[in-house]
Amino acid sequence: MDEVVEAMQKGTLTEAFGTGTAATIAHISHIGYEGMEYKLPELTEKSFSRRVNKALDGIRRGRIDDPHHWVYKVC
Protein backbone atom coordinates (compact mmCIF):
# COMPACT_ATOMS: atom_id res chain seq x y z
CA MET A 1 0.00 0.00 0.00
CA ASP A 2 2.91 2.35 0.58
CA GLU A 3 3.75 2.21 -3.13
CA VAL A 4 0.11 2.76 -4.12
CA VAL A 5 -0.26 5.79 -1.82
CA GLU A 6 3.06 7.23 -2.99
CA ALA A 7 2.08 6.83 -6.66
CA MET A 8 -1.31 8.46 -6.00
CA GLN A 9 0.33 11.39 -4.23
CA LYS A 10 2.81 11.82 -7.11
CA GLY A 11 0.03 11.50 -9.70
CA THR A 12 1.69 8.53 -11.39
CA LEU A 13 -1.09 6.04 -10.58
CA THR A 14 -3.43 6.47 -13.52
CA GLU A 15 -5.93 3.66 -12.91
CA ALA A 16 -6.71 0.61 -10.82
CA PHE A 17 -9.02 -2.32 -11.43
CA GLY A 18 -9.91 -5.78 -10.27
CA THR A 19 -10.37 -8.82 -12.46
CA GLY A 20 -10.97 -12.50 -12.01
CA THR A 21 -12.19 -15.68 -13.62
CA ALA A 22 -15.36 -14.01 -14.93
CA ALA A 23 -13.19 -12.25 -17.54
CA THR A 24 -14.41 -8.78 -16.73
CA ILE A 25 -12.89 -5.60 -15.36
CA ALA A 26 -14.13 -3.74 -12.27
CA HIS A 27 -12.82 -0.17 -12.25
CA ILE A 28 -11.74 1.39 -8.96
CA SER A 29 -12.48 5.10 -8.58
CA HIS A 30 -11.41 5.63 -4.95
CA ILE A 31 -9.03 3.93 -2.55
CA GLY A 32 -9.42 4.37 1.19
CA TYR A 33 -6.42 3.72 3.40
CA GLU A 34 -5.65 4.69 7.01
CA GLY A 35 -8.45 7.23 7.21
CA MET A 36 -7.60 8.91 3.89
CA GLU A 37 -9.55 8.63 0.66
CA TYR A 38 -7.67 8.89 -2.62
CA LYS A 39 -9.57 9.60 -5.83
CA LEU A 40 -8.17 8.12 -9.02
CA PRO A 41 -8.28 10.04 -12.31
CA GLU A 42 -11.29 9.63 -14.61
CA LEU A 43 -10.85 6.92 -17.23
CA THR A 44 -10.52 7.73 -20.91
CA GLU A 45 -11.30 5.55 -23.91
CA LYS A 46 -7.54 4.93 -24.19
CA SER A 47 -7.22 3.69 -20.58
CA PHE A 48 -5.54 0.31 -20.36
CA SER A 49 -8.38 -1.30 -18.42
CA ARG A 50 -11.01 -0.03 -20.87
CA ARG A 51 -9.06 -1.46 -23.81
CA VAL A 52 -8.63 -4.82 -22.04
CA ASN A 53 -12.30 -4.91 -21.07
CA LYS A 54 -13.35 -4.12 -24.65
CA ALA A 55 -11.12 -6.92 -25.99
CA LEU A 56 -12.38 -9.44 -23.42
CA ASP A 57 -15.99 -8.53 -24.17
CA GLY A 58 -15.37 -8.85 -27.90
CA ILE A 59 -13.86 -12.31 -27.45
CA ARG A 60 -16.64 -13.39 -25.08
CA ARG A 61 -19.37 -12.26 -27.49
CA GLY A 62 -17.66 -13.64 -30.61
CA ARG A 63 -17.16 -10.21 -32.21
CA ILE A 64 -13.40 -10.62 -32.42
CA ASP A 65 -11.13 -13.62 -32.83
CA ASP A 66 -10.18 -15.63 -29.76
CA PRO A 67 -6.41 -16.05 -30.23
CA HIS A 68 -6.06 -17.87 -26.89
CA HIS A 69 -8.91 -20.38 -27.46
CA TRP A 70 -10.63 -19.36 -24.22
CA VAL A 71 -14.20 -19.64 -25.50
CA TYR A 72 -15.90 -22.98 -26.08
CA LYS A 73 -19.29 -23.26 -27.70
CA VAL A 74 -21.72 -25.28 -25.58
CA CYS A 75 -24.77 -26.65 -27.34
PDB file of N, CA and C in Angstrom:
ATOM      1  N   MET A   1       0.810  -1.187   0.000  1.00  0.00           N
ATOM      2  CA  MET A   1       0.000   0.000   0.000  1.00  0.00           C
ATOM      3  C   MET A   1       0.858   1.256   0.000  1.00  0.00           C
ATOM      4  N   ASP A   2       2.043   1.175   0.578  1.00  0.00           N
ATOM      5  CA  ASP A   2       2.905   2.353   0.584  1.00  0.00           C
ATOM      6  C   ASP A   2       3.201   2.814  -0.842  1.00  0.00           C
ATOM      7  N   GLU A   3       3.464   1.868  -1.734  1.00  0.00           N
ATOM      8  CA  GLU A   3       3.752   2.213  -3.132  1.00  0.00           C
ATOM      9  C   GLU A   3       2.525   2.802  -3.822  1.00  0.00           C
ATOM     10  N   VAL A   4       1.347   2.257  -3.523  1.00  0.00           N
ATOM     11  CA  VAL A   4       0.110   2.763  -4.120  1.00  0.00           C
ATOM     12  C   VAL A   4      -0.135   4.201  -3.664  1.00  0.00           C
ATOM     13  N   VAL A   5      -0.044   4.451  -2.361  1.00  0.00           N
ATOM     14  CA  VAL A   5      -0.265   5.792  -1.822  1.00  0.00           C
ATOM     15  C   VAL A   5       0.757   6.767  -2.390  1.00  0.00           C
ATOM     16  N   GLU A   6       2.014   6.353  -2.450  1.00  0.00           N
ATOM     17  CA  GLU A   6       3.060   7.225  -2.994  1.00  0.00           C
ATOM     18  C   GLU A   6       2.772   7.572  -4.463  1.00  0.00           C
ATOM     19  N   ALA A   7       2.385   6.586  -5.246  1.00  0.00           N
ATOM     20  CA  ALA A   7       2.076   6.835  -6.660  1.00  0.00           C
ATOM     21  C   ALA A   7       0.862   7.748  -6.801  1.00  0.00           C
ATOM     22  N   MET A   8      -0.131   7.585  -5.935  1.00  0.00           N
ATOM     23  CA  MET A   8      -1.306   8.457  -5.999  1.00  0.00           C
ATOM     24  C   MET A   8      -0.926   9.889  -5.645  1.00  0.00           C
ATOM     25  N   GLN A   9      -0.095  10.050  -4.631  1.00  0.00           N
ATOM     26  CA  GLN A   9       0.328  11.386  -4.232  1.00  0.00           C
ATOM     27  C   GLN A   9       1.172  12.061  -5.308  1.00  0.00           C
ATOM     28  N   LYS A  10       1.974  11.286  -6.027  1.00  0.00           N
ATOM     29  CA  LYS A  10       2.807  11.824  -7.109  1.00  0.00           C
ATOM     30  C   LYS A  10       2.014  12.023  -8.401  1.00  0.00           C
ATOM     31  N   GLY A  11       0.828  11.401  -8.478  1.00  0.00           N
ATOM     32  CA  GLY A  11       0.030  11.495  -9.697  1.00  0.00           C
ATOM     33  C   GLY A  11       0.457  10.509 -10.768  1.00  0.00           C
ATOM     34  N   THR A  12       1.229   9.502 -10.393  1.00  0.00           N
ATOM     35  CA  THR A  12       1.691   8.526 -11.390  1.00  0.00           C
ATOM     36  C   THR A  12       0.794   7.295 -11.466  1.00  0.00           C
ATOM     37  N   LEU A  13      -0.123   7.132 -10.517  1.00  0.00           N
ATOM     38  CA  LEU A  13      -1.091   6.037 -10.583  1.00  0.00           C
ATOM     39  C   LEU A  13      -2.269   6.523 -11.416  1.00  0.00           C
ATOM     40  N   THR A  14      -2.418   5.971 -12.598  1.00  0.00           N
ATOM     41  CA  THR A  14      -3.432   6.467 -13.519  1.00  0.00           C
ATOM     42  C   THR A  14      -4.740   5.705 -13.461  1.00  0.00           C
ATOM     43  N   GLU A  15      -4.707   4.434 -13.024  1.00  0.00           N
ATOM     44  CA  GLU A  15      -5.928   3.657 -12.913  1.00  0.00           C
ATOM     45  C   GLU A  15      -5.676   2.414 -12.079  1.00  0.00           C
ATOM     46  N   ALA A  16      -6.766   1.857 -11.579  1.00  0.00           N
ATOM     47  CA  ALA A  16      -6.713   0.613 -10.820  1.00  0.00           C
ATOM     48  C   ALA A  16      -7.977  -0.168 -11.135  1.00  0.00           C
ATOM     49  N   PHE A  17      -7.859  -1.486 -11.132  1.00  0.00           N
ATOM     50  CA  PHE A  17      -9.021  -2.319 -11.428  1.00  0.00           C
ATOM     51  C   PHE A  17      -8.827  -3.695 -10.841  1.00  0.00           C
ATOM     52  N   GLY A  18      -9.935  -4.402 -10.711  1.00  0.00           N
ATOM     53  CA  GLY A  18      -9.909  -5.784 -10.270  1.00  0.00           C
ATOM     54  C   GLY A  18     -10.406  -6.659 -11.401  1.00  0.00           C
ATOM     55  N   THR A  19      -9.924  -7.874 -11.446  1.00  0.00           N
ATOM     56  CA  THR A  19     -10.371  -8.822 -12.458  1.00  0.00           C
ATOM     57  C   THR A  19     -10.291 -10.222 -11.876  1.00  0.00           C
ATOM     58  N   GLY A  20     -10.985 -11.140 -12.518  1.00  0.00           N
ATOM     59  CA  GLY A  20     -10.974 -12.503 -12.012  1.00  0.00           C
ATOM     60  C   GLY A  20     -11.383 -13.479 -13.092  1.00  0.00           C
ATOM     61  N   THR A  21     -11.870 -14.621 -12.670  1.00  0.00           N
ATOM     62  CA  THR A  21     -12.189 -15.681 -13.623  1.00  0.00           C
ATOM     63  C   THR A  21     -13.419 -15.373 -14.467  1.00  0.00           C
ATOM     64  N   ALA A  22     -14.182 -14.360 -14.135  1.00  0.00           N
ATOM     65  CA  ALA A  22     -15.363 -14.006 -14.927  1.00  0.00           C
ATOM     66  C   ALA A  22     -14.982 -13.204 -16.173  1.00  0.00           C
ATOM     67  N   ALA A  23     -13.700 -12.969 -16.366  1.00  0.00           N
ATOM     68  CA  ALA A  23     -13.186 -12.248 -17.545  1.00  0.00           C
ATOM     69  C   ALA A  23     -13.878 -10.908 -17.720  1.00  0.00           C
ATOM     70  N   THR A  24     -13.875 -10.130 -16.673  1.00  0.00           N
ATOM     71  CA  THR A  24     -14.408  -8.777 -16.728  1.00  0.00           C
ATOM     72  C   THR A  24     -13.501  -7.868 -15.909  1.00  0.00           C
ATOM     73  N   ILE A  25     -13.712  -6.588 -16.050  1.00  0.00           N
ATOM     74  CA  ILE A  25     -12.892  -5.604 -15.361  1.00  0.00           C
ATOM     75  C   ILE A  25     -13.797  -4.764 -14.459  1.00  0.00           C
ATOM     76  N   ALA A  26     -13.414  -4.603 -13.205  1.00  0.00           N
ATOM     77  CA  ALA A  26     -14.135  -3.735 -12.272  1.00  0.00           C
ATOM     78  C   ALA A  26     -13.231  -2.540 -11.956  1.00  0.00           C
ATOM     79  N   HIS A  27     -13.620  -1.375 -12.450  1.00  0.00           N
ATOM     80  CA  HIS A  27     -12.818  -0.171 -12.249  1.00  0.00           C
ATOM     81  C   HIS A  27     -12.891   0.300 -10.805  1.00  0.00           C
ATOM     82  N   ILE A  28     -11.804   0.846 -10.313  1.00  0.00           N
ATOM     83  CA  ILE A  28     -11.736   1.394  -8.961  1.00  0.00           C
ATOM     84  C   ILE A  28     -11.598   2.905  -9.091  1.00  0.00           C
ATOM     85  N   SER A  29     -12.522   3.639  -8.472  1.00  0.00           N
ATOM     86  CA  SER A  29     -12.485   5.096  -8.584  1.00  0.00           C
ATOM     87  C   SER A  29     -11.875   5.758  -7.355  1.00  0.00           C
ATOM     88  N   HIS A  30     -11.955   5.091  -6.192  1.00  0.00           N
ATOM     89  CA  HIS A  30     -11.413   5.632  -4.951  1.00  0.00           C
ATOM     90  C   HIS A  30     -10.723   4.509  -4.172  1.00  0.00           C
ATOM     91  N   ILE A  31      -9.694   4.884  -3.441  1.00  0.00           N
ATOM     92  CA  ILE A  31      -9.032   3.932  -2.552  1.00  0.00           C
ATOM     93  C   ILE A  31      -8.974   4.581  -1.169  1.00  0.00           C
ATOM     94  N   GLY A  32      -9.501   3.889  -0.181  1.00  0.00           N
ATOM     95  CA  GLY A  32      -9.421   4.370   1.188  1.00  0.00           C
ATOM     96  C   GLY A  32      -8.340   3.611   1.933  1.00  0.00           C
ATOM     97  N   TYR A  33      -7.516   4.359   2.668  1.00  0.00           N
ATOM     98  CA  TYR A  33      -6.425   3.723   3.405  1.00  0.00           C
ATOM     99  C   TYR A  33      -6.044   4.600   4.590  1.00  0.00           C
ATOM    100  N   GLU A  34      -6.035   4.012   5.766  1.00  0.00           N
ATOM    101  CA  GLU A  34      -5.646   4.686   7.008  1.00  0.00           C
ATOM    102  C   GLU A  34      -6.351   6.028   7.186  1.00  0.00           C
ATOM    103  N   GLY A  35      -7.661   6.024   6.977  1.00  0.00           N
ATOM    104  CA  GLY A  35      -8.454   7.226   7.210  1.00  0.00           C
ATOM    105  C   GLY A  35      -8.424   8.247   6.078  1.00  0.00           C
ATOM    106  N   MET A  36      -7.674   7.993   5.029  1.00  0.00           N
ATOM    107  CA  MET A  36      -7.604   8.912   3.891  1.00  0.00           C
ATOM    108  C   MET A  36      -8.321   8.283   2.705  1.00  0.00           C
ATOM    109  N   GLU A  37      -8.927   9.116   1.892  1.00  0.00           N
ATOM    110  CA  GLU A  37      -9.552   8.631   0.663  1.00  0.00           C
ATOM    111  C   GLU A  37      -8.846   9.279  -0.526  1.00  0.00           C
ATOM    112  N   TYR A  38      -8.391   8.429  -1.437  1.00  0.00           N
ATOM    113  CA  TYR A  38      -7.667   8.888  -2.621  1.00  0.00           C
ATOM    114  C   TYR A  38      -8.539   8.640  -3.839  1.00  0.00           C
ATOM    115  N   LYS A  39      -8.762   9.697  -4.625  1.00  0.00           N
ATOM    116  CA  LYS A  39      -9.575   9.595  -5.835  1.00  0.00           C
ATOM    117  C   LYS A  39      -8.654   9.389  -7.025  1.00  0.00           C
ATOM    118  N   LEU A  40      -8.952   8.374  -7.815  1.00  0.00           N
ATOM    119  CA  LEU A  40      -8.167   8.121  -9.023  1.00  0.00           C
ATOM    120  C   LEU A  40      -8.685   8.989 -10.164  1.00  0.00           C
ATOM    121  N   PRO A  41      -7.845   9.230 -11.168  1.00  0.00           N
ATOM    122  CA  PRO A  41      -8.283  10.035 -12.312  1.00  0.00           C
ATOM    123  C   PRO A  41      -9.423   9.354 -13.076  1.00  0.00           C
ATOM    124  N   GLU A  42     -10.227  10.163 -13.759  1.00  0.00           N
ATOM    125  CA  GLU A  42     -11.291   9.633 -14.613  1.00  0.00           C
ATOM    126  C   GLU A  42     -10.663   8.823 -15.743  1.00  0.00           C
ATOM    127  N   LEU A  43     -11.340   7.755 -16.135  1.00  0.00           N
ATOM    128  CA  LEU A  43     -10.853   6.921 -17.229  1.00  0.00           C
ATOM    129  C   LEU A  43     -11.149   7.576 -18.566  1.00  0.00           C
ATOM    130  N   THR A  44     -10.292   7.290 -19.529  1.00  0.00           N
ATOM    131  CA  THR A  44     -10.516   7.733 -20.906  1.00  0.00           C
ATOM    132  C   THR A  44     -10.744   6.495 -21.760  1.00  0.00           C
ATOM    133  N   GLU A  45     -11.123   6.690 -23.002  1.00  0.00           N
ATOM    134  CA  GLU A  45     -11.299   5.549 -23.910  1.00  0.00           C
ATOM    135  C   GLU A  45      -9.976   4.833 -24.161  1.00  0.00           C
ATOM    136  N   LYS A  46      -8.861   5.521 -23.960  1.00  0.00           N
ATOM    137  CA  LYS A  46      -7.543   4.929 -24.190  1.00  0.00           C
ATOM    138  C   LYS A  46      -6.959   4.284 -22.936  1.00  0.00           C
ATOM    139  N   SER A  47      -7.696   4.306 -21.821  1.00  0.00           N
ATOM    140  CA  SER A  47      -7.220   3.692 -20.583  1.00  0.00           C
ATOM    141  C   SER A  47      -6.967   2.209 -20.815  1.00  0.00           C
ATOM    142  N   PHE A  48      -5.911   1.710 -20.204  1.00  0.00           N
ATOM    143  CA  PHE A  48      -5.539   0.306 -20.360  1.00  0.00           C
ATOM    144  C   PHE A  48      -6.694  -0.624 -20.004  1.00  0.00           C
ATOM    145  N   SER A  49      -7.314  -0.398 -18.865  1.00  0.00           N
ATOM    146  CA  SER A  49      -8.377  -1.295 -18.416  1.00  0.00           C
ATOM    147  C   SER A  49      -9.591  -1.247 -19.340  1.00  0.00           C
ATOM    148  N   ARG A  50      -9.893  -0.100 -19.914  1.00  0.00           N
ATOM    149  CA  ARG A  50     -11.014  -0.026 -20.868  1.00  0.00           C
ATOM    150  C   ARG A  50     -10.690  -0.811 -22.134  1.00  0.00           C
ATOM    151  N   ARG A  51      -9.455  -0.709 -22.605  1.00  0.00           N
ATOM    152  CA  ARG A  51      -9.062  -1.457 -23.808  1.00  0.00           C
ATOM    153  C   ARG A  51      -9.095  -2.959 -23.555  1.00  0.00           C
ATOM    154  N   VAL A  52      -8.610  -3.398 -22.379  1.00  0.00           N
ATOM    155  CA  VAL A  52      -8.634  -4.819 -22.043  1.00  0.00           C
ATOM    156  C   VAL A  52     -10.071  -5.301 -21.923  1.00  0.00           C
ATOM    157  N   ASN A  53     -10.906  -4.523 -21.236  1.00  0.00           N
ATOM    158  CA  ASN A  53     -12.304  -4.914 -21.066  1.00  0.00           C
ATOM    159  C   ASN A  53     -13.016  -5.024 -22.413  1.00  0.00           C
ATOM    160  N   LYS A  54     -12.741  -4.091 -23.309  1.00  0.00           N
ATOM    161  CA  LYS A  54     -13.352  -4.124 -24.646  1.00  0.00           C
ATOM    162  C   LYS A  54     -12.913  -5.382 -25.397  1.00  0.00           C
ATOM    163  N   ALA A  55     -11.629  -5.726 -25.312  1.00  0.00           N
ATOM    164  CA  ALA A  55     -11.123  -6.921 -25.988  1.00  0.00           C
ATOM    165  C   ALA A  55     -11.741  -8.184 -25.390  1.00  0.00           C
ATOM    166  N   LEU A  56     -11.784  -8.271 -24.071  1.00  0.00           N
ATOM    167  CA  LEU A  56     -12.381  -9.443 -23.419  1.00  0.00           C
ATOM    168  C   LEU A  56     -13.854  -9.593 -23.801  1.00  0.00           C
ATOM    169  N   ASP A  57     -14.574  -8.486 -23.809  1.00  0.00           N
ATOM    170  CA  ASP A  57     -15.990  -8.531 -24.172  1.00  0.00           C
ATOM    171  C   ASP A  57     -16.163  -8.963 -25.626  1.00  0.00           C
ATOM    172  N   GLY A  58     -15.306  -8.467 -26.499  1.00  0.00           N
ATOM    173  CA  GLY A  58     -15.370  -8.854 -27.903  1.00  0.00           C
ATOM    174  C   GLY A  58     -15.121 -10.334 -28.109  1.00  0.00           C
ATOM    175  N   ILE A  59     -14.152 -10.875 -27.372  1.00  0.00           N
ATOM    176  CA  ILE A  59     -13.864 -12.313 -27.450  1.00  0.00           C
ATOM    177  C   ILE A  59     -15.050 -13.104 -26.891  1.00  0.00           C
ATOM    178  N   ARG A  60     -15.540 -12.683 -25.739  1.00  0.00           N
ATOM    179  CA  ARG A  60     -16.638 -13.393 -25.077  1.00  0.00           C
ATOM    180  C   ARG A  60     -17.893 -13.428 -25.945  1.00  0.00           C
ATOM    181  N   ARG A  61     -18.160 -12.350 -26.671  1.00  0.00           N
ATOM    182  CA  ARG A  61     -19.371 -12.260 -27.485  1.00  0.00           C
ATOM    183  C   ARG A  61     -19.165 -12.711 -28.939  1.00  0.00           C
ATOM    184  N   GLY A  62     -17.934 -13.136 -29.265  1.00  0.00           N
ATOM    185  CA  GLY A  62     -17.662 -13.638 -30.605  1.00  0.00           C
ATOM    186  C   GLY A  62     -17.516 -12.561 -31.662  1.00  0.00           C
ATOM    187  N   ARG A  63     -17.322 -11.314 -31.259  1.00  0.00           N
ATOM    188  CA  ARG A  63     -17.164 -10.214 -32.213  1.00  0.00           C
ATOM    189  C   ARG A  63     -15.748 -10.102 -32.746  1.00  0.00           C
ATOM    190  N   ILE A  64     -14.788 -10.617 -31.963  1.00  0.00           N
ATOM    191  CA  ILE A  64     -13.399 -10.617 -32.423  1.00  0.00           C
ATOM    192  C   ILE A  64     -12.826 -12.016 -32.212  1.00  0.00           C
ATOM    193  N   ASP A  65     -11.756 -12.300 -32.925  1.00  0.00           N
ATOM    194  CA  ASP A  65     -11.128 -13.622 -32.828  1.00  0.00           C
ATOM    195  C   ASP A  65     -10.644 -13.898 -31.413  1.00  0.00           C
ATOM    196  N   ASP A  66     -10.651 -15.161 -31.063  1.00  0.00           N
ATOM    197  CA  ASP A  66     -10.184 -15.632 -29.759  1.00  0.00           C
ATOM    198  C   ASP A  66      -8.813 -16.280 -29.956  1.00  0.00           C
ATOM    199  N   PRO A  67      -7.732 -15.493 -29.929  1.00  0.00           N
ATOM    200  CA  PRO A  67      -6.409 -16.047 -30.226  1.00  0.00           C
ATOM    201  C   PRO A  67      -5.905 -17.025 -29.158  1.00  0.00           C
ATOM    202  N   HIS A  68      -6.517 -17.023 -27.981  1.00  0.00           N
ATOM    203  CA  HIS A  68      -6.060 -17.872 -26.888  1.00  0.00           C
ATOM    204  C   HIS A  68      -6.930 -19.126 -26.714  1.00  0.00           C
ATOM    205  N   HIS A  69      -7.982 -19.238 -27.525  1.00  0.00           N
ATOM    206  CA  HIS A  69      -8.908 -20.378 -27.461  1.00  0.00           C
ATOM    207  C   HIS A  69      -9.538 -20.517 -26.072  1.00  0.00           C
ATOM    208  N   TRP A  70     -10.005 -19.384 -25.533  1.00  0.00           N
ATOM    209  CA  TRP A  70     -10.632 -19.355 -24.222  1.00  0.00           C
ATOM    210  C   TRP A  70     -12.101 -19.760 -24.281  1.00  0.00           C
ATOM    211  N   VAL A  71     -12.756 -19.463 -25.405  1.00  0.00           N
ATOM    212  CA  VAL A  71     -14.195 -19.636 -25.504  1.00  0.00           C
ATOM    213  C   VAL A  71     -14.527 -20.989 -26.153  1.00  0.00           C
ATOM    214  N   TYR A  72     -15.421 -21.697 -25.531  1.00  0.00           N
ATOM    215  CA  TYR A  72     -15.897 -22.982 -26.077  1.00  0.00           C
ATOM    216  C   TYR A  72     -17.412 -22.903 -26.248  1.00  0.00           C
ATOM    217  N   LYS A  73     -17.865 -23.274 -27.423  1.00  0.00           N
ATOM    218  CA  LYS A  73     -19.290 -23.257 -27.698  1.00  0.00           C
ATOM    219  C   LYS A  73     -19.934 -24.474 -27.026  1.00  0.00           C
ATOM    220  N   VAL A  74     -20.975 -24.217 -26.253  1.00  0.00           N
ATOM    221  CA  VAL A  74     -21.716 -25.278 -25.575  1.00  0.00           C
ATOM    222  C   VAL A  74     -23.101 -25.328 -26.191  1.00  0.00           C
ATOM    223  N   CYS A  75     -23.455 -26.507 -26.692  1.00  0.00           N
ATOM    224  CA  CYS A  75     -24.773 -26.649 -27.340  1.00  0.00           C
ATOM    225  C   CYS A  75     -25.731 -27.374 -26.446  1.00  0.00           C
TER     226      CYS A  75
END
